[in-house]
N, C-alpha and C. Protein backbone atom coordinates (compact mmCIF):
# COMPACT_ATOMS: atom_id res chain seq x y z
N UNK A 1 0.88 -1.19 -0.11
CA UNK A 1 -0.16 0.03 -0.20
C UNK A 1 0.90 1.34 0.13
N UNK A 2 0.56 2.03 -0.90
CA UNK A 2 1.29 3.36 -1.05
C UNK A 2 1.06 4.63 -0.14
N UNK A 3 2.10 4.64 0.88
CA UNK A 3 1.79 6.15 1.78
C UNK A 3 1.77 7.41 1.07
N UNK A 4 0.61 8.46 1.47
CA UNK A 4 0.37 9.92 1.09
C UNK A 4 0.67 10.68 2.31
N UNK A 5 1.79 11.50 2.03
CA UNK A 5 1.75 12.56 2.59
C UNK A 5 1.93 13.79 2.12
N UNK A 6 1.65 14.39 3.15
CA UNK A 6 0.56 15.78 3.00
C UNK A 6 1.14 16.81 4.33
N UNK A 7 1.47 18.00 3.93
CA UNK A 7 1.85 18.93 5.17
C UNK A 7 0.44 19.76 5.04
N UNK A 8 -0.04 20.24 6.41
CA UNK A 8 -1.24 20.94 6.80
C UNK A 8 -0.42 22.21 6.40
N UNK A 9 -1.25 23.81 6.05
CA UNK A 9 -0.71 24.98 5.78
C UNK A 9 -0.41 25.58 6.92
N UNK A 10 -0.39 25.30 8.42
CA UNK A 10 0.74 25.75 10.04
C UNK A 10 1.59 24.97 9.51
N UNK A 11 1.96 23.51 9.05
CA UNK A 11 3.23 22.76 9.49
C UNK A 11 3.73 23.50 7.79
N UNK A 12 3.78 24.05 6.65
CA UNK A 12 4.34 24.41 5.80
C UNK A 12 4.63 26.11 6.34
N UNK A 13 3.94 26.83 7.41
CA UNK A 13 4.42 28.10 7.49
C UNK A 13 5.45 28.19 8.69
N UNK A 14 5.11 26.71 9.16
CA UNK A 14 6.35 27.00 10.83
C UNK A 14 7.98 25.83 10.44
N UNK A 15 7.18 25.07 9.09
CA UNK A 15 8.38 24.35 8.13
C UNK A 15 9.77 25.82 8.10
N UNK A 16 8.88 26.76 6.72
CA UNK A 16 9.32 27.51 5.70
C UNK A 16 10.29 28.74 7.21
N UNK A 17 9.89 28.98 8.63
CA UNK A 17 9.95 29.61 9.22
C UNK A 17 11.84 28.87 9.84
N UNK A 18 11.45 28.01 10.14
CA UNK A 18 12.49 26.96 10.77
C UNK A 18 13.97 26.87 10.09
N UNK A 19 13.21 26.65 8.69
CA UNK A 19 14.27 26.60 7.71
C UNK A 19 15.01 27.94 7.22
N UNK A 20 14.31 28.75 7.89
CA UNK A 20 15.23 30.30 7.44
C UNK A 20 16.92 30.38 8.33
N UNK A 21 16.55 29.24 9.67
CA UNK A 21 16.98 29.47 10.52
C UNK A 21 18.42 28.34 10.74
N UNK A 22 17.78 27.81 10.15
CA UNK A 22 18.53 26.29 9.83
C UNK A 22 18.12 25.49 8.59
N UNK A 23 18.73 25.92 7.79
CA UNK A 23 18.68 24.91 6.24
C UNK A 23 18.58 24.22 5.88
N UNK A 24 19.48 23.19 6.91
CA UNK A 24 19.41 21.66 6.94
C UNK A 24 18.44 20.96 7.48
N UNK A 25 17.67 21.86 8.08
CA UNK A 25 16.00 20.85 8.34
C UNK A 25 15.86 20.31 7.19
N UNK A 26 15.53 20.88 5.84
CA UNK A 26 15.22 19.83 4.78
C UNK A 26 15.62 19.36 4.00
N UNK A 27 17.21 18.61 3.73
CA UNK A 27 17.23 17.21 3.85
C UNK A 27 17.12 15.97 5.38
N UNK A 28 17.11 16.72 6.12
CA UNK A 28 16.65 15.96 7.36
C UNK A 28 14.92 15.45 7.16
N UNK A 29 14.37 16.69 7.13
CA UNK A 29 12.53 15.77 6.96
C UNK A 29 12.90 15.31 5.98
N UNK A 30 13.61 15.62 4.48
CA UNK A 30 13.24 14.68 2.77
C UNK A 30 13.47 13.13 3.65
N UNK A 31 14.40 12.96 3.96
CA UNK A 31 15.16 11.59 4.61
C UNK A 31 14.17 10.99 5.47
N UNK A 32 13.52 11.40 6.69
CA UNK A 32 12.67 10.95 7.53
C UNK A 32 11.32 10.89 6.79
N UNK A 33 11.21 11.61 5.96
CA UNK A 33 9.74 11.24 4.70
C UNK A 33 9.66 10.30 4.10
N UNK A 34 10.95 10.16 3.69
CA UNK A 34 11.21 9.30 2.55
C UNK A 34 11.19 7.38 3.24
N UNK A 35 11.57 7.40 4.69
CA UNK A 35 11.38 6.80 5.66
C UNK A 35 10.12 5.53 5.36
N UNK A 36 9.03 7.00 6.09
CA UNK A 36 7.99 7.07 6.20
C UNK A 36 7.24 6.52 4.79
N UNK A 37 7.39 6.96 4.11
CA UNK A 37 6.67 6.22 2.55
C UNK A 37 6.99 5.33 2.02
N UNK A 38 8.02 4.38 2.80
CA UNK A 38 8.51 2.80 2.62
C UNK A 38 8.57 1.49 3.01
N UNK A 39 7.40 2.27 3.96
CA UNK A 39 6.24 1.39 4.77
C UNK A 39 5.17 1.35 5.34
N UNK A 40 3.77 0.79 5.24
CA UNK A 40 2.93 1.40 6.20
C UNK A 40 3.08 0.90 7.29
N UNK A 41 4.47 0.56 8.13
CA UNK A 41 4.29 0.51 9.55
C UNK A 41 5.66 1.58 9.69
N UNK A 42 5.29 1.96 10.68
CA UNK A 42 6.45 2.74 10.92
C UNK A 42 7.71 2.54 11.45
N UNK A 43 8.74 2.78 10.57
CA UNK A 43 10.33 2.42 11.17
C UNK A 43 10.72 2.87 12.30
N UNK A 44 11.19 1.90 12.64
CA UNK A 44 11.66 2.29 14.13
C UNK A 44 12.82 3.15 14.49
N UNK A 45 13.59 3.16 13.07
CA UNK A 45 14.97 4.06 13.19
C UNK A 45 14.06 5.68 12.97
N UNK A 46 12.84 6.01 13.24
CA UNK A 46 12.71 7.29 13.39
C UNK A 46 12.22 7.34 14.69
N UNK A 47 11.79 6.14 15.64
CA UNK A 47 11.67 5.95 16.85
C UNK A 47 9.65 7.40 17.11
N UNK A 48 9.01 6.74 16.54
CA UNK A 48 8.06 7.38 16.13
C UNK A 48 7.08 6.70 17.31
N UNK A 49 6.08 7.94 18.19
CA UNK A 49 5.99 7.61 19.24
C UNK A 49 5.09 7.89 18.91
N UNK A 50 3.28 7.45 20.31
CA UNK A 50 1.65 7.76 19.95
C UNK A 50 2.41 9.54 21.16
N UNK A 51 1.30 10.32 20.92
CA UNK A 51 0.97 11.42 21.82
C UNK A 51 0.02 11.09 22.86
N UNK A 52 -0.32 12.13 23.74
CA UNK A 52 -1.08 11.26 24.54
C UNK A 52 -2.37 12.56 25.21
N UNK A 53 -2.55 12.53 25.73
CA UNK A 53 -3.99 13.50 26.40
C UNK A 53 -4.79 14.47 24.99
N UNK A 54 -4.39 15.76 25.09
CA UNK A 54 -5.55 16.58 23.85
C UNK A 54 -4.64 15.92 22.62
N UNK A 55 -3.14 15.72 22.48
CA UNK A 55 -2.59 15.17 21.35
C UNK A 55 -2.76 13.47 21.06
N UNK A 56 -4.32 12.84 21.61
CA UNK A 56 -4.22 11.76 21.77
C UNK A 56 -4.11 10.97 20.16
N UNK A 57 -5.03 11.74 19.05
CA UNK A 57 -4.59 11.03 18.07
C UNK A 57 -3.48 11.43 17.24
N UNK A 58 -2.46 11.87 17.33
CA UNK A 58 -1.47 12.52 16.71
C UNK A 58 -0.45 11.12 16.98
N UNK A 59 0.49 11.27 16.43
CA UNK A 59 1.93 10.82 16.44
C UNK A 59 3.59 12.20 16.69
N UNK A 60 4.42 11.66 16.74
CA UNK A 60 5.61 12.55 16.92
C UNK A 60 7.14 11.27 16.65
N UNK A 61 8.00 12.15 15.89
CA UNK A 61 9.15 11.91 16.14
C UNK A 61 10.02 13.01 15.60
N UNK A 62 11.66 12.76 16.29
CA UNK A 62 12.68 13.16 15.93
C UNK A 62 12.97 13.52 14.95
N UNK A 63 13.37 15.06 14.51
CA UNK A 63 14.26 15.38 13.62
C UNK A 63 16.10 15.45 13.56
N UNK A 64 15.74 15.99 15.54
CA UNK A 64 17.04 16.21 15.47
C UNK A 64 17.06 16.68 17.46
N UNK A 65 17.83 16.20 18.09
CA UNK A 65 17.48 16.56 19.81
C UNK A 65 16.68 17.06 19.66
N UNK A 66 16.54 18.03 19.12
CA UNK A 66 15.32 19.77 19.55
C UNK A 66 14.10 19.56 19.01
N UNK A 67 13.91 18.95 17.58
CA UNK A 67 13.12 19.34 17.29
C UNK A 67 12.22 18.05 16.57
N UNK A 68 10.91 18.32 17.08
CA UNK A 68 10.10 17.51 16.85
C UNK A 68 9.00 17.03 15.73
N UNK A 69 8.76 16.30 14.93
CA UNK A 69 7.47 16.68 13.81
C UNK A 69 6.12 15.78 14.37
N UNK A 70 5.26 15.87 14.16
CA UNK A 70 3.89 15.94 14.98
C UNK A 70 2.76 15.83 14.17
N UNK A 71 2.48 14.30 13.52
CA UNK A 71 1.73 13.89 12.74
C UNK A 71 0.40 13.42 12.48
N UNK A 72 -0.88 13.62 11.70
CA UNK A 72 -1.86 12.11 11.98
C UNK A 72 -1.41 11.45 10.86
N UNK A 73 -1.89 10.28 11.44
CA UNK A 73 -1.87 9.15 10.55
C UNK A 73 -3.64 8.66 10.21
N UNK A 74 -4.03 8.49 8.93
CA UNK A 74 -5.59 8.64 8.55
C UNK A 74 -5.01 7.53 7.26
N UNK A 75 -5.20 6.61 7.10
CA UNK A 75 -5.74 5.11 6.67
C UNK A 75 -4.17 5.18 5.70
N UNK A 76 -4.13 5.03 4.66
CA UNK A 76 -3.00 5.63 3.83
C UNK A 76 -2.50 6.44 3.27
N UNK A 77 -2.92 7.86 4.55
CA UNK A 77 -1.96 9.41 4.46
C UNK A 77 -1.48 9.72 5.63
N UNK A 78 -0.54 10.33 5.60
CA UNK A 78 0.12 10.59 6.80
C UNK A 78 -0.50 12.42 6.58
N UNK A 79 -0.31 12.83 7.79
CA UNK A 79 -0.42 14.37 7.74
C UNK A 79 0.50 14.99 8.86
N UNK A 80 1.21 16.40 8.60
CA UNK A 80 1.85 16.83 8.82
C UNK A 80 1.55 17.52 9.55
N UNK A 81 1.59 18.03 11.08
CA UNK A 81 0.29 18.90 11.54
C UNK A 81 1.50 19.89 12.28
N UNK A 82 2.41 19.78 12.97
CA UNK A 82 3.94 20.83 13.31
C UNK A 82 4.51 20.39 13.31
N UNK A 83 6.02 21.26 13.46
CA UNK A 83 7.30 21.09 13.90
C UNK A 83 7.87 22.05 14.62
N UNK A 84 8.71 21.88 15.18
CA UNK A 84 8.74 22.76 16.35
C UNK A 84 9.83 21.93 16.95
N UNK A 85 10.38 22.73 18.24
CA UNK A 85 11.51 21.83 19.62
C UNK A 85 9.84 21.47 20.37
N UNK A 86 10.43 20.47 21.54
CA UNK A 86 9.50 20.04 22.62
C UNK A 86 8.45 20.93 23.10
N UNK A 87 8.72 22.34 23.53
CA UNK A 87 7.69 22.88 24.29
C UNK A 87 6.60 23.48 23.03
N UNK A 88 7.18 24.00 22.05
CA UNK A 88 6.49 24.63 20.63
C UNK A 88 5.25 23.19 20.38
N UNK A 89 5.34 22.06 20.10
CA UNK A 89 4.93 21.33 19.47
C UNK A 89 3.99 20.41 20.67
N UNK A 90 4.12 20.28 22.03
CA UNK A 90 3.63 19.55 22.69
C UNK A 90 2.63 20.63 23.43
């Protein structure tokens, strides 16, 4: 099954803002999304984990020590919702 990945408008704005400060973020995100697309199951190398509380329907993974990506999975779609530091996205 093919996985489609889409980015919410909010995610796109946050990503563009972060990329100005950290140009390498584009490459890191591209590599992580390639891994996500390759498998209908979450790859262990991304250390994807479900979130709790008000974000209980979402998942997250780390791009770097301090950068997280929050997303939602719906059948064969992954929707990127937020990107930023731990404090910013949770």
